[in-house]
């Protein structure tokens, strides 16, 4: 199996695991705009792990950009730490995307976040 396909499967398995865990949390937290200030250690841990996965995905996407592939090996390592989001955004226009939460068990009426704040 090609290495890229293995990575895609791994990312998807991790996504499915995170999704399952989030859905299990709905047994304890009513996900709605009225509860956006809810805090729990379990929820904070979940958010941190989801962010780590997002960062890993951004780095993989960055490795596929022309900019990254034009760098020397020495500069590639440093670039992964510094300009990942900016370069991925240039290709995928993430700052123009909006996140909509659509689920029968989540009760949000509006857009929660955009990727715009990452661009600053």
N, C-alpha and C. Protein backbone atom coordinates (compact mmCIF):
# COMPACT_ATOMS: atom_id res chain seq x y z
N UNK A 1 0.85 -1.18 0.00
CA UNK A 1 0.00 0.00 0.00
C UNK A 1 0.89 1.24 0.00
N UNK A 2 0.62 2.21 -0.86
CA UNK A 2 1.42 3.43 -0.91
C UNK A 2 1.38 4.17 0.44
N UNK A 3 2.50 4.80 0.77
CA UNK A 3 2.64 5.49 2.05
C UNK A 3 1.58 6.59 2.23
N UNK A 4 1.29 7.32 1.16
CA UNK A 4 0.30 8.40 1.24
C UNK A 4 -1.07 7.86 1.63
N UNK A 5 -1.44 6.72 1.06
CA UNK A 5 -2.73 6.11 1.36
C UNK A 5 -2.76 5.63 2.81
N UNK A 6 -1.64 5.11 3.30
CA UNK A 6 -1.57 4.69 4.70
C UNK A 6 -1.80 5.89 5.63
N UNK A 7 -1.19 7.02 5.31
CA UNK A 7 -1.36 8.22 6.13
C UNK A 7 -2.82 8.69 6.10
N UNK A 8 -3.42 8.67 4.91
CA UNK A 8 -4.82 9.08 4.80
C UNK A 8 -5.72 8.19 5.66
N UNK A 9 -5.47 6.90 5.61
CA UNK A 9 -6.27 5.97 6.43
C UNK A 9 -6.07 6.23 7.91
N UNK A 10 -4.82 6.47 8.30
CA UNK A 10 -4.54 6.76 9.70
C UNK A 10 -5.25 8.03 10.15
N UNK A 11 -5.16 9.09 9.37
CA UNK A 11 -5.85 10.33 9.72
C UNK A 11 -7.35 10.11 9.82
N UNK A 12 -7.90 9.32 8.91
CA UNK A 12 -9.34 9.07 8.93
C UNK A 12 -9.73 8.25 10.16
N UNK A 13 -8.92 7.28 10.53
CA UNK A 13 -9.20 6.49 11.74
C UNK A 13 -9.16 7.37 12.98
N UNK A 14 -8.19 8.25 13.04
CA UNK A 14 -8.10 9.17 14.19
C UNK A 14 -9.30 10.09 14.20
N UNK A 15 -9.69 10.60 13.02
CA UNK A 15 -10.89 11.46 12.93
C UNK A 15 -12.11 10.70 13.46
N UNK A 16 -12.29 9.46 13.01
CA UNK A 16 -13.44 8.69 13.44
C UNK A 16 -13.43 8.47 14.95
N UNK A 17 -12.26 8.25 15.52
CA UNK A 17 -12.15 8.07 16.96
C UNK A 17 -12.53 9.36 17.70
N UNK A 18 -12.03 10.50 17.20
CA UNK A 18 -12.39 11.78 17.82
C UNK A 18 -13.89 12.06 17.69
N UNK A 19 -14.44 11.76 16.52
CA UNK A 19 -15.87 11.97 16.31
C UNK A 19 -16.69 11.13 17.28
N UNK A 20 -16.32 9.87 17.44
CA UNK A 20 -17.03 8.98 18.36
C UNK A 20 -16.97 9.53 19.78
N UNK A 21 -15.78 9.95 20.19
CA UNK A 21 -15.62 10.50 21.54
C UNK A 21 -16.47 11.75 21.73
N UNK A 22 -16.51 12.62 20.73
CA UNK A 22 -17.32 13.83 20.84
C UNK A 22 -18.80 13.48 20.97
N UNK A 23 -19.24 12.54 20.18
CA UNK A 23 -20.65 12.13 20.26
C UNK A 23 -20.97 11.52 21.63
N UNK A 24 -20.02 10.80 22.21
CA UNK A 24 -20.23 10.25 23.55
C UNK A 24 -20.37 11.36 24.59
N UNK A 25 -19.68 12.47 24.36
CA UNK A 25 -19.77 13.60 25.31
C UNK A 25 -21.16 14.21 25.32
N UNK A 26 -21.93 14.00 24.26
CA UNK A 26 -23.28 14.57 24.25
C UNK A 26 -24.19 13.92 25.28
N UNK A 27 -23.75 12.81 25.87
CA UNK A 27 -24.49 12.22 26.98
C UNK A 27 -24.41 13.10 28.22
N UNK A 28 -23.37 13.96 28.28
CA UNK A 28 -23.13 14.78 29.46
C UNK A 28 -23.23 16.27 29.19
N UNK A 29 -23.00 16.67 27.96
CA UNK A 29 -23.01 18.10 27.60
C UNK A 29 -24.02 18.30 26.48
N UNK A 30 -24.92 19.24 26.67
CA UNK A 30 -25.87 19.63 25.62
C UNK A 30 -25.14 20.65 24.74
N UNK A 31 -24.76 20.26 23.54
CA UNK A 31 -24.01 21.14 22.65
C UNK A 31 -24.96 22.15 22.00
N UNK A 32 -24.92 23.36 22.53
CA UNK A 32 -25.74 24.44 22.00
C UNK A 32 -25.03 25.76 22.26
N UNK A 33 -25.53 26.80 21.64
CA UNK A 33 -24.93 28.13 21.84
C UNK A 33 -25.01 28.56 23.30
N UNK A 34 -26.02 28.09 24.03
CA UNK A 34 -26.17 28.46 25.43
C UNK A 34 -25.06 27.86 26.29
N UNK A 35 -24.39 26.83 25.80
CA UNK A 35 -23.37 26.15 26.58
C UNK A 35 -21.96 26.33 26.03
N UNK A 36 -21.71 27.37 25.28
CA UNK A 36 -20.38 27.57 24.71
C UNK A 36 -19.32 27.85 25.78
N UNK A 37 -19.74 28.23 26.98
CA UNK A 37 -18.79 28.50 28.06
C UNK A 37 -18.57 27.29 28.97
N UNK A 38 -19.14 26.15 28.61
CA UNK A 38 -18.97 24.94 29.42
C UNK A 38 -17.50 24.54 29.43
N UNK A 39 -17.03 24.11 30.61
CA UNK A 39 -15.64 23.67 30.73
C UNK A 39 -15.60 22.32 31.43
N UNK A 40 -14.74 21.47 30.95
CA UNK A 40 -14.41 20.24 31.65
C UNK A 40 -13.01 19.83 31.22
N UNK A 41 -12.33 19.09 32.09
CA UNK A 41 -10.99 18.63 31.76
C UNK A 41 -11.05 17.69 30.56
N UNK A 42 -12.07 16.86 30.51
CA UNK A 42 -12.22 15.91 29.39
C UNK A 42 -12.40 16.68 28.08
N UNK A 43 -13.21 17.71 28.09
CA UNK A 43 -13.43 18.51 26.89
C UNK A 43 -12.16 19.25 26.50
N UNK A 44 -11.45 19.80 27.46
CA UNK A 44 -10.19 20.50 27.17
C UNK A 44 -9.17 19.54 26.57
N UNK A 45 -9.07 18.34 27.10
CA UNK A 45 -8.17 17.33 26.56
C UNK A 45 -8.55 16.96 25.13
N UNK A 46 -9.84 16.84 24.88
CA UNK A 46 -10.33 16.53 23.54
C UNK A 46 -9.94 17.63 22.55
N UNK A 47 -10.13 18.88 22.95
CA UNK A 47 -9.79 20.01 22.08
C UNK A 47 -8.30 20.02 21.76
N UNK A 48 -7.48 19.76 22.76
CA UNK A 48 -6.03 19.72 22.53
C UNK A 48 -5.66 18.61 21.55
N UNK A 49 -6.24 17.43 21.71
CA UNK A 49 -5.92 16.33 20.80
C UNK A 49 -6.41 16.61 19.39
N UNK A 50 -7.58 17.23 19.28
CA UNK A 50 -8.10 17.59 17.95
C UNK A 50 -7.18 18.61 17.28
N UNK A 51 -6.67 19.55 18.05
CA UNK A 51 -5.75 20.55 17.50
C UNK A 51 -4.44 19.93 17.04
N UNK A 52 -3.94 18.96 17.78
CA UNK A 52 -2.71 18.26 17.39
C UNK A 52 -2.94 17.56 16.05
N UNK A 53 -4.09 16.95 15.88
CA UNK A 53 -4.40 16.28 14.61
C UNK A 53 -4.52 17.28 13.47
N UNK A 54 -5.13 18.44 13.74
CA UNK A 54 -5.22 19.49 12.72
C UNK A 54 -3.83 19.95 12.29
N UNK A 55 -2.95 20.12 13.27
CA UNK A 55 -1.58 20.53 12.96
C UNK A 55 -0.87 19.48 12.10
N UNK A 56 -1.07 18.22 12.43
CA UNK A 56 -0.45 17.14 11.64
C UNK A 56 -0.97 17.14 10.21
N UNK A 57 -2.28 17.35 10.06
CA UNK A 57 -2.86 17.42 8.71
C UNK A 57 -2.33 18.61 7.94
N UNK A 58 -2.22 19.76 8.60
CA UNK A 58 -1.66 20.94 7.93
C UNK A 58 -0.24 20.68 7.43
N UNK A 59 0.54 20.01 8.25
CA UNK A 59 1.92 19.71 7.84
C UNK A 59 1.95 18.78 6.64
N UNK A 60 1.06 17.79 6.62
CA UNK A 60 1.01 16.88 5.47
C UNK A 60 0.56 17.61 4.21
N UNK A 61 -0.41 18.51 4.36
CA UNK A 61 -0.86 19.30 3.21
C UNK A 61 0.25 20.23 2.73
N UNK A 62 0.98 20.81 3.67
CA UNK A 62 2.07 21.71 3.33
C UNK A 62 3.14 20.98 2.54
N UNK A 63 3.43 19.74 2.90
CA UNK A 63 4.45 18.96 2.19
C UNK A 63 4.09 18.73 0.73
N UNK A 64 2.82 18.94 0.38
CA UNK A 64 2.38 18.74 -1.01
C UNK A 64 2.39 20.03 -1.82
N UNK A 65 2.74 21.16 -1.20
CA UNK A 65 2.72 22.43 -1.92
C UNK A 65 4.00 22.61 -2.74
N UNK A 66 3.89 23.41 -3.78
CA UNK A 66 5.06 23.72 -4.61
C UNK A 66 6.11 24.45 -3.79
N UNK A 67 5.67 25.34 -2.92
CA UNK A 67 6.61 26.10 -2.09
C UNK A 67 7.48 25.17 -1.27
N UNK A 68 6.89 24.22 -0.57
CA UNK A 68 7.65 23.30 0.27
C UNK A 68 8.63 22.48 -0.56
N UNK A 69 8.16 21.98 -1.68
CA UNK A 69 9.01 21.12 -2.52
C UNK A 69 10.13 21.89 -3.21
N UNK A 70 10.02 23.21 -3.25
CA UNK A 70 11.09 24.01 -3.86
C UNK A 70 12.22 24.31 -2.86
N UNK A 71 12.00 24.01 -1.59
CA UNK A 71 13.00 24.30 -0.56
C UNK A 71 14.03 23.17 -0.46
N UNK A 72 15.22 23.52 0.02
CA UNK A 72 16.23 22.49 0.29
C UNK A 72 15.77 21.68 1.51
N UNK A 73 16.35 20.52 1.70
CA UNK A 73 15.96 19.68 2.84
C UNK A 73 16.16 20.39 4.17
N UNK A 74 17.24 21.14 4.28
CA UNK A 74 17.52 21.86 5.52
C UNK A 74 16.44 22.91 5.79
N UNK A 75 15.99 23.58 4.76
CA UNK A 75 14.97 24.61 4.93
C UNK A 75 13.58 24.02 5.10
N UNK A 76 13.35 22.82 4.59
CA UNK A 76 12.04 22.19 4.73
C UNK A 76 11.69 21.95 6.19
N UNK A 77 12.64 21.45 6.96
CA UNK A 77 12.39 21.18 8.37
C UNK A 77 12.02 22.45 9.12
N UNK A 78 12.76 23.51 8.89
CA UNK A 78 12.48 24.78 9.56
C UNK A 78 11.14 25.36 9.08
N UNK A 79 10.86 25.21 7.80
CA UNK A 79 9.61 25.74 7.25
C UNK A 79 8.40 25.04 7.85
N UNK A 80 8.52 23.76 8.15
CA UNK A 80 7.40 23.03 8.77
C UNK A 80 7.02 23.62 10.12
N UNK A 81 7.97 24.21 10.79
CA UNK A 81 7.70 24.79 12.10
C UNK A 81 7.18 26.22 12.02
N UNK A 82 7.43 26.92 10.92
CA UNK A 82 7.14 28.35 10.89
C UNK A 82 5.99 28.80 10.00
N UNK A 83 5.91 28.27 8.79
CA UNK A 83 4.96 28.87 7.85
C UNK A 83 3.94 27.88 7.29
N UNK A 84 3.71 26.81 8.00
CA UNK A 84 2.82 25.76 7.52
C UNK A 84 1.45 26.31 7.15
N UNK A 85 0.80 26.97 8.10
CA UNK A 85 -0.57 27.42 7.83
C UNK A 85 -0.62 28.42 6.69
N UNK A 86 0.28 29.36 6.69
CA UNK A 86 0.28 30.42 5.67
C UNK A 86 0.37 29.81 4.26
N UNK A 87 1.26 28.85 4.09
CA UNK A 87 1.44 28.25 2.77
C UNK A 87 0.26 27.36 2.38
N UNK A 88 -0.27 26.60 3.32
CA UNK A 88 -1.45 25.76 3.03
C UNK A 88 -2.64 26.65 2.71
N UNK A 89 -2.77 27.75 3.43
CA UNK A 89 -3.85 28.69 3.17
C UNK A 89 -3.76 29.27 1.77
N UNK A 90 -2.56 29.54 1.30
CA UNK A 90 -2.38 30.08 -0.05
C UNK A 90 -2.93 29.13 -1.11
N UNK A 91 -2.81 27.83 -0.86
CA UNK A 91 -3.29 26.83 -1.81
C UNK A 91 -4.78 26.55 -1.63
N UNK A 92 -5.21 26.33 -0.38
CA UNK A 92 -6.57 25.86 -0.11
C UNK A 92 -7.55 26.96 0.32
N UNK A 93 -7.06 28.18 0.51
CA UNK A 93 -7.90 29.33 0.89
C UNK A 93 -8.72 29.05 2.16
N UNK A 94 -8.06 28.53 3.17
CA UNK A 94 -8.76 28.19 4.42
C UNK A 94 -9.38 29.40 5.09
N UNK A 95 -8.77 30.57 4.93
CA UNK A 95 -9.32 31.77 5.56
C UNK A 95 -10.67 32.18 4.96
N UNK A 96 -11.01 31.61 3.82
CA UNK A 96 -12.31 31.89 3.19
C UNK A 96 -13.36 30.86 3.58
N UNK A 97 -12.95 29.79 4.23
CA UNK A 97 -13.86 28.70 4.60
C UNK A 97 -14.57 29.04 5.91
N UNK A 98 -15.75 28.49 6.06
CA UNK A 98 -16.52 28.65 7.28
C UNK A 98 -16.90 27.27 7.79
N UNK A 99 -17.01 27.17 9.10
CA UNK A 99 -17.36 25.89 9.71
C UNK A 99 -18.82 25.96 10.15
N UNK A 100 -19.61 25.05 9.63
CA UNK A 100 -21.00 24.91 10.03
C UNK A 100 -21.15 23.60 10.80
N UNK A 101 -21.82 23.66 11.92
CA UNK A 101 -22.07 22.45 12.69
C UNK A 101 -23.49 22.00 12.33
N UNK A 102 -23.60 20.83 11.74
CA UNK A 102 -24.91 20.32 11.34
C UNK A 102 -25.08 18.91 11.90
N UNK A 103 -25.95 18.78 12.86
CA UNK A 103 -26.20 17.49 13.47
C UNK A 103 -27.54 17.53 14.18
N UNK A 104 -28.15 16.37 14.29
CA UNK A 104 -29.42 16.29 15.01
C UNK A 104 -29.24 16.46 16.51
N UNK A 105 -28.01 16.30 17.00
CA UNK A 105 -27.79 16.42 18.44
C UNK A 105 -26.98 17.64 18.84
N UNK A 106 -26.57 18.46 17.88
CA UNK A 106 -25.90 19.72 18.17
C UNK A 106 -26.88 20.83 17.80
N UNK A 107 -26.96 21.82 18.66
CA UNK A 107 -27.97 22.86 18.48
C UNK A 107 -27.32 24.23 18.34
N UNK A 108 -26.62 24.43 17.23
CA UNK A 108 -25.98 25.70 16.96
C UNK A 108 -26.72 26.39 15.83
N UNK A 109 -26.95 27.68 15.99
CA UNK A 109 -27.71 28.45 15.01
C UNK A 109 -26.82 29.23 14.05
N UNK A 110 -25.55 29.35 14.36
CA UNK A 110 -24.69 30.23 13.57
C UNK A 110 -23.35 29.56 13.28
N UNK A 111 -22.56 30.25 12.49
CA UNK A 111 -21.20 29.81 12.23
C UNK A 111 -20.42 29.99 13.52
N UNK A 112 -19.69 28.96 13.92
CA UNK A 112 -18.94 29.06 15.17
C UNK A 112 -17.60 29.74 14.99
N UNK A 113 -16.87 29.35 13.98
CA UNK A 113 -15.52 29.88 13.77
C UNK A 113 -15.18 29.85 12.29
N UNK A 114 -14.23 30.66 11.95
CA UNK A 114 -13.62 30.55 10.63
C UNK A 114 -12.14 30.33 10.85
N UNK A 115 -11.41 30.06 9.81
CA UNK A 115 -9.97 29.88 9.92
C UNK A 115 -9.24 31.21 9.85
N UNK A 116 -9.96 32.30 9.72
CA UNK A 116 -9.36 33.61 9.52
C UNK A 116 -8.36 33.96 10.63
N UNK A 117 -8.67 33.64 11.85
CA UNK A 117 -7.79 34.05 12.96
C UNK A 117 -6.40 33.40 12.87
N UNK A 118 -6.27 32.29 12.16
CA UNK A 118 -4.98 31.65 12.01
C UNK A 118 -4.07 32.43 11.05
N UNK A 119 -4.66 33.24 10.20
CA UNK A 119 -3.89 33.93 9.16
C UNK A 119 -3.15 35.15 9.69
N UNK A 120 -3.53 35.64 10.82
CA UNK A 120 -2.95 36.87 11.34
C UNK A 120 -1.54 36.66 11.82
